[in-house]
Amino acid sequence: MIVKTFVGLRAQYAIIKKVAEQLNAPSRMATASEEARGIDGMIGDVAVSVKPETYRAKSLPEHIEAATIYYEKTRGGLDVDYSEDRRSVRRVTSAGICTR
């Protein structure tokens, strides 16, 4: 069983909220049944899963039916990579948003 830490949950909430703001879309955290499927929240009508950057390198058998948002802790806070349409990747930083 995986137990989410308070810090991890706060990071997920902040990331989902910030990305939703950048996309001008509503957001919410996942319900218990959504979490059981690996979904951490919703941005608009898109299910999202928030994972640390190190997760990309792992070859896990897990398959999540959600857009994945990756984050990395930095001195300035968090760098967040997400794909609006699964083609364009953008980086959200504490300074705002810039295309990468």
PDB file of N, CA and C in Angstrom:
ATOM      1  N   MET A   1       0.839  -1.181   0.000  1.00  0.00           N
ATOM      2  CA  MET A   1       0.000   0.000   0.000  1.00  0.00           C
ATOM      3  C   MET A   1       0.884   1.245   0.000  1.00  0.00           C
ATOM      4  N   ILE A   2       0.542   2.219  -0.819  1.00  0.00           N
ATOM      5  CA  ILE A   2       1.298   3.464  -0.887  1.00  0.00           C
ATOM      6  C   ILE A   2       0.584   4.506  -0.038  1.00  0.00           C
ATOM      7  N   VAL A   3       1.321   5.127   0.834  1.00  0.00           N
ATOM      8  CA  VAL A   3       0.770   6.182   1.674  1.00  0.00           C
ATOM      9  C   VAL A   3       1.333   7.504   1.200  1.00  0.00           C
ATOM     10  N   LYS A   4       0.455   8.420   0.852  1.00  0.00           N
ATOM     11  CA  LYS A   4       0.895   9.731   0.400  1.00  0.00           C
ATOM     12  C   LYS A   4       1.227  10.591   1.608  1.00  0.00           C
ATOM     13  N   THR A   5       2.339  11.297   1.499  1.00  0.00           N
ATOM     14  CA  THR A   5       2.733  12.169   2.594  1.00  0.00           C
ATOM     15  C   THR A   5       1.984  13.490   2.487  1.00  0.00           C
ATOM     16  N   PHE A   6       1.948  14.203   3.593  1.00  0.00           N
ATOM     17  CA  PHE A   6       1.316  15.514   3.606  1.00  0.00           C
ATOM     18  C   PHE A   6       1.993  16.440   2.604  1.00  0.00           C
ATOM     19  N   VAL A   7       3.333  16.412   2.593  1.00  0.00           N
ATOM     20  CA  VAL A   7       4.085  17.273   1.672  1.00  0.00           C
ATOM     21  C   VAL A   7       3.769  16.901   0.227  1.00  0.00           C
ATOM     22  N   GLY A   8       3.703  15.597  -0.053  1.00  0.00           N
ATOM     23  CA  GLY A   8       3.386  15.149  -1.400  1.00  0.00           C
ATOM     24  C   GLY A   8       1.998  15.578  -1.842  1.00  0.00           C
ATOM     25  N   LEU A   9       1.037  15.476  -0.958  1.00  0.00           N
ATOM     26  CA  LEU A   9      -0.330  15.899  -1.284  1.00  0.00           C
ATOM     27  C   LEU A   9      -0.409  17.400  -1.519  1.00  0.00           C
ATOM     28  N   ARG A  10       0.317  18.167  -0.700  1.00  0.00           N
ATOM     29  CA  ARG A  10       0.334  19.627  -0.884  1.00  0.00           C
ATOM     30  C   ARG A  10       0.971  19.982  -2.226  1.00  0.00           C
ATOM     31  N   ALA A  11       2.032  19.275  -2.593  1.00  0.00           N
ATOM     32  CA  ALA A  11       2.679  19.525  -3.885  1.00  0.00           C
ATOM     33  C   ALA A  11       1.720  19.198  -5.024  1.00  0.00           C
ATOM     34  N   GLN A  12       1.030  18.056  -4.938  1.00  0.00           N
ATOM     35  CA  GLN A  12       0.058  17.691  -5.971  1.00  0.00           C
ATOM     36  C   GLN A  12      -1.009  18.767  -6.117  1.00  0.00           C
ATOM     37  N   TYR A  13      -1.544  19.205  -4.996  1.00  0.00           N
ATOM     38  CA  TYR A  13      -2.593  20.232  -5.014  1.00  0.00           C
ATOM     39  C   TYR A  13      -2.077  21.508  -5.678  1.00  0.00           C
ATOM     40  N   ALA A  14      -0.888  21.954  -5.278  1.00  0.00           N
ATOM     41  CA  ALA A  14      -0.319  23.191  -5.822  1.00  0.00           C
ATOM     42  C   ALA A  14      -0.045  23.063  -7.319  1.00  0.00           C
ATOM     43  N   ILE A  15       0.471  21.913  -7.734  1.00  0.00           N
ATOM     44  CA  ILE A  15       0.785  21.698  -9.154  1.00  0.00           C
ATOM     45  C   ILE A  15      -0.483  21.678  -9.984  1.00  0.00           C
ATOM     46  N   ILE A  16      -1.473  20.923  -9.554  1.00  0.00           N
ATOM     47  CA  ILE A  16      -2.733  20.848 -10.309  1.00  0.00           C
ATOM     48  C   ILE A  16      -3.388  22.218 -10.394  1.00  0.00           C
ATOM     49  N   LYS A  17      -3.403  22.933  -9.290  1.00  0.00           N
ATOM     50  CA  LYS A  17      -4.006  24.267  -9.271  1.00  0.00           C
ATOM     51  C   LYS A  17      -3.273  25.224 -10.205  1.00  0.00           C
ATOM     52  N   LYS A  18      -1.936  25.222 -10.174  1.00  0.00           N
ATOM     53  CA  LYS A  18      -1.145  26.140 -10.996  1.00  0.00           C
ATOM     54  C   LYS A  18      -1.304  25.834 -12.483  1.00  0.00           C
ATOM     55  N   VAL A  19      -1.246  24.567 -12.856  1.00  0.00           N
ATOM     56  CA  VAL A  19      -1.409  24.208 -14.261  1.00  0.00           C
ATOM     57  C   VAL A  19      -2.806  24.595 -14.737  1.00  0.00           C
ATOM     58  N   ALA A  20      -3.821  24.342 -13.926  1.00  0.00           N
ATOM     59  CA  ALA A  20      -5.192  24.723 -14.284  1.00  0.00           C
ATOM     60  C   ALA A  20      -5.316  26.227 -14.484  1.00  0.00           C
ATOM     61  N   GLU A  21      -4.668  27.003 -13.611  1.00  0.00           N
ATOM     62  CA  GLU A  21      -4.680  28.463 -13.769  1.00  0.00           C
ATOM     63  C   GLU A  21      -4.055  28.867 -15.095  1.00  0.00           C
ATOM     64  N   GLN A  22      -2.916  28.235 -15.447  1.00  0.00           N
ATOM     65  CA  GLN A  22      -2.244  28.546 -16.702  1.00  0.00           C
ATOM     66  C   GLN A  22      -3.119  28.209 -17.911  1.00  0.00           C
ATOM     67  N   LEU A  23      -3.922  27.171 -17.785  1.00  0.00           N
ATOM     68  CA  LEU A  23      -4.808  26.751 -18.866  1.00  0.00           C
ATOM     69  C   LEU A  23      -6.183  27.404 -18.785  1.00  0.00           C
ATOM     70  N   ASN A  24      -6.378  28.217 -17.748  1.00  0.00           N
ATOM     71  CA  ASN A  24      -7.668  28.870 -17.535  1.00  0.00           C
ATOM     72  C   ASN A  24      -8.795  27.832 -17.473  1.00  0.00           C
ATOM     73  N   ALA A  25      -8.552  26.789 -16.667  1.00  0.00           N
ATOM     74  CA  ALA A  25      -9.513  25.691 -16.547  1.00  0.00           C
ATOM     75  C   ALA A  25      -9.789  25.411 -15.075  1.00  0.00           C
ATOM     76  N   PRO A  26     -10.954  24.866 -14.772  1.00  0.00           N
ATOM     77  CA  PRO A  26     -11.239  24.484 -13.384  1.00  0.00           C
ATOM     78  C   PRO A  26     -10.424  23.246 -13.004  1.00  0.00           C
ATOM     79  N   SER A  27     -10.215  23.058 -11.712  1.00  0.00           N
ATOM     80  CA  SER A  27      -9.480  21.885 -11.252  1.00  0.00           C
ATOM     81  C   SER A  27     -10.086  21.359  -9.961  1.00  0.00           C
ATOM     82  N   ARG A  28      -9.761  20.102  -9.679  1.00  0.00           N
ATOM     83  CA  ARG A  28     -10.161  19.502  -8.412  1.00  0.00           C
ATOM     84  C   ARG A  28      -9.248  18.314  -8.160  1.00  0.00           C
ATOM     85  N   MET A  29      -9.165  17.910  -6.913  1.00  0.00           N
ATOM     86  CA  MET A  29      -8.409  16.719  -6.559  1.00  0.00           C
ATOM     87  C   MET A  29      -9.271  15.494  -6.862  1.00  0.00           C
ATOM     88  N   ALA A  30      -8.634  14.343  -6.963  1.00  0.00           N
ATOM     89  CA  ALA A  30      -9.320  13.105  -7.318  1.00  0.00           C
ATOM     90  C   ALA A  30     -10.205  12.593  -6.184  1.00  0.00           C
ATOM     91  N   THR A  31     -11.245  11.887  -6.572  1.00  0.00           N
ATOM     92  CA  THR A  31     -12.071  11.171  -5.604  1.00  0.00           C
ATOM     93  C   THR A  31     -11.331   9.883  -5.221  1.00  0.00           C
ATOM     94  N   ALA A  32     -11.802   9.192  -4.217  1.00  0.00           N
ATOM     95  CA  ALA A  32     -11.176   7.940  -3.791  1.00  0.00           C
ATOM     96  C   ALA A  32     -11.173   6.909  -4.922  1.00  0.00           C
ATOM     97  N   SER A  33     -12.267   6.810  -5.663  1.00  0.00           N
ATOM     98  CA  SER A  33     -12.318   5.832  -6.754  1.00  0.00           C
ATOM     99  C   SER A  33     -11.379   6.212  -7.894  1.00  0.00           C
ATOM    100  N   GLU A  34     -11.207   7.508  -8.148  1.00  0.00           N
ATOM    101  CA  GLU A  34     -10.255   7.955  -9.168  1.00  0.00           C
ATOM    102  C   GLU A  34      -8.822   7.671  -8.711  1.00  0.00           C
ATOM    103  N   GLU A  35      -8.539   7.938  -7.439  1.00  0.00           N
ATOM    104  CA  GLU A  35      -7.199   7.665  -6.907  1.00  0.00           C
ATOM    105  C   GLU A  35      -6.847   6.191  -7.028  1.00  0.00           C
ATOM    106  N   ALA A  36      -7.819   5.323  -6.866  1.00  0.00           N
ATOM    107  CA  ALA A  36      -7.575   3.882  -6.991  1.00  0.00           C
ATOM    108  C   ALA A  36      -7.135   3.511  -8.404  1.00  0.00           C
ATOM    109  N   ARG A  37      -7.445   4.361  -9.376  1.00  0.00           N
ATOM    110  CA  ARG A  37      -7.044   4.135 -10.765  1.00  0.00           C
ATOM    111  C   ARG A  37      -5.781   4.923 -11.128  1.00  0.00           C
ATOM    112  N   GLY A  38      -5.153   5.567 -10.143  1.00  0.00           N
ATOM    113  CA  GLY A  38      -3.907   6.292 -10.388  1.00  0.00           C
ATOM    114  C   GLY A  38      -4.082   7.743 -10.777  1.00  0.00           C
ATOM    115  N   ILE A  39      -5.287   8.254 -10.664  1.00  0.00           N
ATOM    116  CA  ILE A  39      -5.574   9.643 -11.018  1.00  0.00           C
ATOM    117  C   ILE A  39      -5.417  10.500  -9.769  1.00  0.00           C
ATOM    118  N   ASP A  40      -4.692  11.622  -9.902  1.00  0.00           N
ATOM    119  CA  ASP A  40      -4.481  12.520  -8.767  1.00  0.00           C
ATOM    120  C   ASP A  40      -5.436  13.707  -8.754  1.00  0.00           C
ATOM    121  N   GLY A  41      -5.976  14.058  -9.903  1.00  0.00           N
ATOM    122  CA  GLY A  41      -6.893  15.187  -9.964  1.00  0.00           C
ATOM    123  C   GLY A  41      -7.433  15.374 -11.367  1.00  0.00           C
ATOM    124  N   MET A  42      -8.225  16.419 -11.513  1.00  0.00           N
ATOM    125  CA  MET A  42      -8.821  16.747 -12.807  1.00  0.00           C
ATOM    126  C   MET A  42      -8.501  18.192 -13.136  1.00  0.00           C
ATOM    127  N   ILE A  43      -8.150  18.442 -14.382  1.00  0.00           N
ATOM    128  CA  ILE A  43      -7.994  19.799 -14.901  1.00  0.00           C
ATOM    129  C   ILE A  43      -8.966  19.884 -16.062  1.00  0.00           C
ATOM    130  N   GLY A  44      -9.999  20.688 -15.875  1.00  0.00           N
ATOM    131  CA  GLY A  44     -11.093  20.666 -16.832  1.00  0.00           C
ATOM    132  C   GLY A  44     -11.689  19.271 -16.794  1.00  0.00           C
ATOM    133  N   ASP A  45     -11.821  18.630 -17.972  1.00  0.00           N
ATOM    134  CA  ASP A  45     -12.334  17.258 -17.996  1.00  0.00           C
ATOM    135  C   ASP A  45     -11.226  16.234 -18.235  1.00  0.00           C
ATOM    136  N   VAL A  46      -9.971  16.661 -18.021  1.00  0.00           N
ATOM    137  CA  VAL A  46      -8.814  15.782 -18.235  1.00  0.00           C
ATOM    138  C   VAL A  46      -8.300  15.243 -16.899  1.00  0.00           C
ATOM    139  N   ALA A  47      -8.212  13.932 -16.805  1.00  0.00           N
ATOM    140  CA  ALA A  47      -7.639  13.295 -15.615  1.00  0.00           C
ATOM    141  C   ALA A  47      -6.130  13.467 -15.667  1.00  0.00           C
ATOM    142  N   VAL A  48      -5.521  13.809 -14.519  1.00  0.00           N
ATOM    143  CA  VAL A  48      -4.075  13.997 -14.470  1.00  0.00           C
ATOM    144  C   VAL A  48      -3.468  13.182 -13.337  1.00  0.00           C
ATOM    145  N   SER A  49      -2.231  12.789 -13.551  1.00  0.00           N
ATOM    146  CA  SER A  49      -1.443  12.091 -12.548  1.00  0.00           C
ATOM    147  C   SER A  49      -0.164  12.902 -12.362  1.00  0.00           C
ATOM    148  N   VAL A  50       0.189  13.214 -11.126  1.00  0.00           N
ATOM    149  CA  VAL A  50       1.363  14.025 -10.822  1.00  0.00           C
ATOM    150  C   VAL A  50       2.472  13.104 -10.324  1.00  0.00           C
ATOM    151  N   LYS A  51       3.621  13.150 -11.019  1.00  0.00           N
ATOM    152  CA  LYS A  51       4.735  12.259 -10.699  1.00  0.00           C
ATOM    153  C   LYS A  51       6.038  13.060 -10.627  1.00  0.00           C
ATOM    154  N   PRO A  52       6.987  12.617  -9.794  1.00  0.00           N
ATOM    155  CA  PRO A  52       8.291  13.266  -9.783  1.00  0.00           C
ATOM    156  C   PRO A  52       9.030  12.975 -11.099  1.00  0.00           C
ATOM    157  N   GLU A  53       9.929  13.867 -11.472  1.00  0.00           N
ATOM    158  CA  GLU A  53      10.694  13.727 -12.714  1.00  0.00           C
ATOM    159  C   GLU A  53      11.406  12.372 -12.788  1.00  0.00           C
ATOM    160  N   THR A  54      11.867  11.868 -11.671  1.00  0.00           N
ATOM    161  CA  THR A  54      12.591  10.595 -11.643  1.00  0.00           C
ATOM    162  C   THR A  54      11.708   9.422 -12.083  1.00  0.00           C
ATOM    163  N   TYR A  55      10.417   9.601 -12.064  1.00  0.00           N
ATOM    164  CA  TYR A  55       9.471   8.556 -12.462  1.00  0.00           C
ATOM    165  C   TYR A  55       9.602   8.222 -13.944  1.00  0.00           C
ATOM    166  N   ARG A  56      10.000   9.220 -14.769  1.00  0.00           N
ATOM    167  CA  ARG A  56      10.129   8.996 -16.215  1.00  0.00           C
ATOM    168  C   ARG A  56      11.128   7.891 -16.526  1.00  0.00           C
ATOM    169  N   ALA A  57      12.212   7.828 -15.769  1.00  0.00           N
ATOM    170  CA  ALA A  57      13.291   6.874 -16.033  1.00  0.00           C
ATOM    171  C   ALA A  57      12.961   5.457 -15.569  1.00  0.00           C
ATOM    172  N   LYS A  58      11.986   5.325 -14.709  1.00  0.00           N
ATOM    173  CA  LYS A  58      11.628   4.001 -14.182  1.00  0.00           C
ATOM    174  C   LYS A  58      10.779   3.244 -15.197  1.00  0.00           C
ATOM    175  N   SER A  59      11.053   1.981 -15.337  1.00  0.00           N
ATOM    176  CA  SER A  59      10.235   1.163 -16.225  1.00  0.00           C
ATOM    177  C   SER A  59       9.306   0.314 -15.360  1.00  0.00           C
ATOM    178  N   LEU A  60       8.176   0.890 -15.059  1.00  0.00           N
ATOM    179  CA  LEU A  60       7.195   0.217 -14.204  1.00  0.00           C
ATOM    180  C   LEU A  60       6.049  -0.324 -15.066  1.00  0.00           C
ATOM    181  N   PRO A  61       5.459  -1.436 -14.669  1.00  0.00           N
ATOM    182  CA  PRO A  61       4.363  -2.011 -15.443  1.00  0.00           C
ATOM    183  C   PRO A  61       3.053  -1.232 -15.301  1.00  0.00           C
ATOM    184  N   GLU A  62       3.059  -0.178 -14.523  1.00  0.00           N
ATOM    185  CA  GLU A  62       1.848   0.604 -14.258  1.00  0.00           C
ATOM    186  C   GLU A  62       1.401   1.371 -15.504  1.00  0.00           C
ATOM    187  N   HIS A  63       0.117   1.324 -15.785  1.00  0.00           N
ATOM    188  CA  HIS A  63      -0.450   2.105 -16.886  1.00  0.00           C
ATOM    189  C   HIS A  63      -1.593   2.944 -16.320  1.00  0.00           C
ATOM    190  N   ILE A  64      -1.454   4.248 -16.432  1.00  0.00           N
ATOM    191  CA  ILE A  64      -2.458   5.159 -15.880  1.00  0.00           C
ATOM    192  C   ILE A  64      -3.157   5.866 -17.025  1.00  0.00           C
ATOM    193  N   GLU A  65      -4.471   5.820 -17.024  1.00  0.00           N
ATOM    194  CA  GLU A  65      -5.272   6.484 -18.051  1.00  0.00           C
ATOM    195  C   GLU A  65      -5.458   7.958 -17.677  1.00  0.00           C
ATOM    196  N   ALA A  66      -4.357   8.701 -17.691  1.00  0.00           N
ATOM    197  CA  ALA A  66      -4.409  10.112 -17.335  1.00  0.00           C
ATOM    198  C   ALA A  66      -3.209  10.810 -17.946  1.00  0.00           C
ATOM    199  N   ALA A  67      -3.339  12.099 -18.179  1.00  0.00           N
ATOM    200  CA  ALA A  67      -2.191  12.892 -18.616  1.00  0.00           C
ATOM    201  C   ALA A  67      -1.241  12.996 -17.431  1.00  0.00           C
ATOM    202  N   THR A  68       0.053  12.830 -17.679  1.00  0.00           N
ATOM    203  CA  THR A  68       1.014  12.867 -16.587  1.00  0.00           C
ATOM    204  C   THR A  68       1.683  14.225 -16.512  1.00  0.00           C
ATOM    205  N   ILE A  69       1.725  14.761 -15.311  1.00  0.00           N
ATOM    206  CA  ILE A  69       2.424  16.015 -15.030  1.00  0.00           C
ATOM    207  C   ILE A  69       3.642  15.639 -14.198  1.00  0.00           C
ATOM    208  N   TYR A  70       4.840  16.022 -14.680  1.00  0.00           N
ATOM    209  CA  TYR A  70       6.071  15.710 -13.967  1.00  0.00           C
ATOM    210  C   TYR A  70       6.591  16.951 -13.256  1.00  0.00           C
ATOM    211  N   TYR A  71       7.170  16.739 -12.073  1.00  0.00           N
ATOM    212  CA  TYR A  71       7.739  17.867 -11.336  1.00  0.00           C
ATOM    213  C   TYR A  71       9.110  17.517 -10.801  1.00  0.00           C
ATOM    214  N   GLU A  72       9.899  18.565 -10.592  1.00  0.00           N
ATOM    215  CA  GLU A  72      11.230  18.410 -10.023  1.00  0.00           C
ATOM    216  C   GLU A  72      11.433  19.515  -8.998  1.00  0.00           C
ATOM    217  N   LYS A  73      11.915  19.144  -7.826  1.00  0.00           N
ATOM    218  CA  LYS A  73      12.183  20.136  -6.790  1.00  0.00           C
ATOM    219  C   LYS A  73      13.447  20.902  -7.163  1.00  0.00           C
ATOM    220  N   THR A  74      13.395  22.224  -7.017  1.00  0.00           N
ATOM    221  CA  THR A  74      14.549  23.081  -7.292  1.00  0.00           C
ATOM    222  C   THR A  74      14.729  24.025  -6.118  1.00  0.00           C
ATOM    223  N   ARG A  75      15.802  24.780  -6.158  1.00  0.00           N
ATOM    224  CA  ARG A  75      16.023  25.767  -5.091  1.00  0.00           C
ATOM    225  C   ARG A  75      14.900  26.791  -5.028  1.00  0.00           C
ATOM    226  N   GLY A  76      14.341  27.133  -6.185  1.00  0.00           N
ATOM    227  CA  GLY A  76      13.288  28.138  -6.246  1.00  0.00           C
ATOM    228  C   GLY A  76      11.895  27.595  -6.021  1.00  0.00           C
ATOM    229  N   GLY A  77      11.762  26.307  -5.840  1.00  0.00           N
ATOM    230  CA  GLY A  77      10.436  25.712  -5.640  1.00  0.00           C
ATOM    231  C   GLY A  77      10.292  24.442  -6.445  1.00  0.00           C
ATOM    232  N   LEU A  78       9.416  24.454  -7.437  1.00  0.00           N
ATOM    233  CA  LEU A  78       9.172  23.286  -8.276  1.00  0.00           C
ATOM    234  C   LEU A  78       9.190  23.690  -9.742  1.00  0.00           C
ATOM    235  N   ASP A  79       9.811  22.867 -10.578  1.00  0.00           N
ATOM    236  CA  ASP A  79       9.663  22.977 -12.025  1.00  0.00           C
ATOM    237  C   ASP A  79       8.656  21.923 -12.417  1.00  0.00           C
ATOM    238  N   VAL A  80       7.690  22.292 -13.229  1.00  0.00           N
ATOM    239  CA  VAL A  80       6.596  21.394 -13.584  1.00  0.00           C
ATOM    240  C   VAL A  80       6.492  21.298 -15.098  1.00  0.00           C
ATOM    241  N   ASP A  81       6.539  20.086 -15.624  1.00  0.00           N
ATOM    242  CA  ASP A  81       6.371  19.849 -17.060  1.00  0.00           C
ATOM    243  C   ASP A  81       5.012  19.201 -17.288  1.00  0.00           C
ATOM    244  N   TYR A  82       4.268  19.728 -18.257  1.00  0.00           N
ATOM    245  CA  TYR A  82       2.977  19.134 -18.589  1.00  0.00           C
ATOM    246  C   TYR A  82       2.708  19.295 -20.068  1.00  0.00           C
ATOM    247  N   SER A  83       1.830  18.508 -20.590  1.00  0.00           N
ATOM    248  CA  SER A  83       1.471  18.554 -21.993  1.00  0.00           C
ATOM    249  C   SER A  83      -0.018  18.855 -22.101  1.00  0.00           C
ATOM    250  N   GLU A  84      -0.296  19.983 -22.726  1.00  0.00           N
ATOM    251  CA  GLU A  84      -1.710  20.360 -22.885  1.00  0.00           C
ATOM    252  C   GLU A  84      -2.428  19.413 -23.830  1.00  0.00           C
ATOM    253  N   ASP A  85      -1.781  19.119 -24.951  1.00  0.00           N
ATOM    254  CA  ASP A  85      -2.444  18.307 -25.964  1.00  0.00           C
ATOM    255  C   ASP A  85      -1.610  17.086 -26.346  1.00  0.00           C
ATOM    256  N   ARG A  86      -0.707  16.682 -25.466  1.00  0.00           N
ATOM    257  CA  ARG A  86       0.191  15.544 -25.651  1.00  0.00           C
ATOM    258  C   ARG A  86       1.173  15.763 -26.796  1.00  0.00           C
ATOM    259  N   ARG A  87       1.278  16.990 -27.323  1.00  0.00           N
ATOM    260  CA  ARG A  87       2.277  17.308 -28.343  1.00  0.00           C
ATOM    261  C   ARG A  87       3.192  18.419 -27.854  1.00  0.00           C
ATOM    262  N   SER A  88       2.643  19.442 -27.229  1.00  0.00           N
ATOM    263  CA  SER A  88       3.459  20.573 -26.790  1.00  0.00           C
ATOM    264  C   SER A  88       3.723  20.462 -25.300  1.00  0.00           C
ATOM    265  N   VAL A  89       4.967  20.556 -24.926  1.00  0.00           N
ATOM    266  CA  VAL A  89       5.345  20.474 -23.517  1.00  0.00           C
ATOM    267  C   VAL A  89       5.723  21.869 -23.053  1.00  0.00           C
ATOM    268  N   ARG A  90       5.241  22.238 -21.909  1.00  0.00           N
ATOM    269  CA  ARG A  90       5.530  23.550 -21.354  1.00  0.00           C
ATOM    270  C   ARG A  90       6.103  23.390 -19.968  1.00  0.00           C
ATOM    271  N   ARG A  91       6.813  24.381 -19.529  1.00  0.00           N
ATOM    272  CA  ARG A  91       7.399  24.353 -18.190  1.00  0.00           C
ATOM    273  C   ARG A  91       6.796  25.490 -17.373  1.00  0.00           C
ATOM    274  N   VAL A  92       6.264  25.151 -16.220  1.00  0.00           N
ATOM    275  CA  VAL A  92       5.733  26.133 -15.283  1.00  0.00           C
ATOM    276  C   VAL A  92       6.754  26.286 -14.184  1.00  0.00           C
ATOM    277  N   THR A  93       7.157  27.516 -13.932  1.00  0.00           N
ATOM    278  CA  THR A  93       8.086  27.780 -12.826  1.00  0.00           C
ATOM    279  C   THR A  93       7.454  28.805 -11.913  1.00  0.00           C
ATOM    280  N   SER A  94       8.134  29.119 -10.841  1.00  0.00           N
ATOM    281  CA  SER A  94       7.595  30.135  -9.934  1.00  0.00           C
ATOM    282  C   SER A  94       7.497  31.488 -10.626  1.00  0.00           C
ATOM    283  N   ALA A  95       8.244  31.670 -11.711  1.00  0.00           N
ATOM    284  CA  ALA A  95       8.205  32.936 -12.454  1.00  0.00           C
ATOM    285  C   ALA A  95       7.089  32.971 -13.488  1.00  0.00           C
ATOM    286  N   GLY A  96       6.425  31.872 -13.712  1.00  0.00           N
ATOM    287  CA  GLY A  96       5.351  31.850 -14.696  1.00  0.00           C
ATOM    288  C   GLY A  96       5.474  30.662 -15.611  1.00  0.00           C
ATOM    289  N   ILE A  97       5.190  30.874 -16.895  1.00  0.00           N
ATOM    290  CA  ILE A  97       5.200  29.760 -17.848  1.00  0.00           C
ATOM    291  C   ILE A  97       6.056  30.116 -19.044  1.00  0.00           C
ATOM    292  N   CYS A  98       6.808  29.183 -19.545  1.00  0.00           N
ATOM    293  CA  CYS A  98       7.578  29.410 -20.750  1.00  0.00           C
ATOM    294  C   CYS A  98       7.591  28.119 -21.567  1.00  0.00           C
ATOM    295  N   THR A  99       7.623  28.250 -22.884  1.00  0.00           N
ATOM    296  CA  THR A  99       7.640  27.075 -23.747  1.00  0.00           C
ATOM    297  C   THR A  99       9.015  26.441 -23.730  1.00  0.00           C
ATOM    298  N   ARG A 100       9.039  25.134 -23.685  1.00  0.00           N
ATOM    299  CA  ARG A 100      10.307  24.420 -23.716  1.00  0.00           C
ATOM    300  C   ARG A 100      10.351  23.546 -24.938  1.00  0.00           C
TER     301      ARG A 100
END
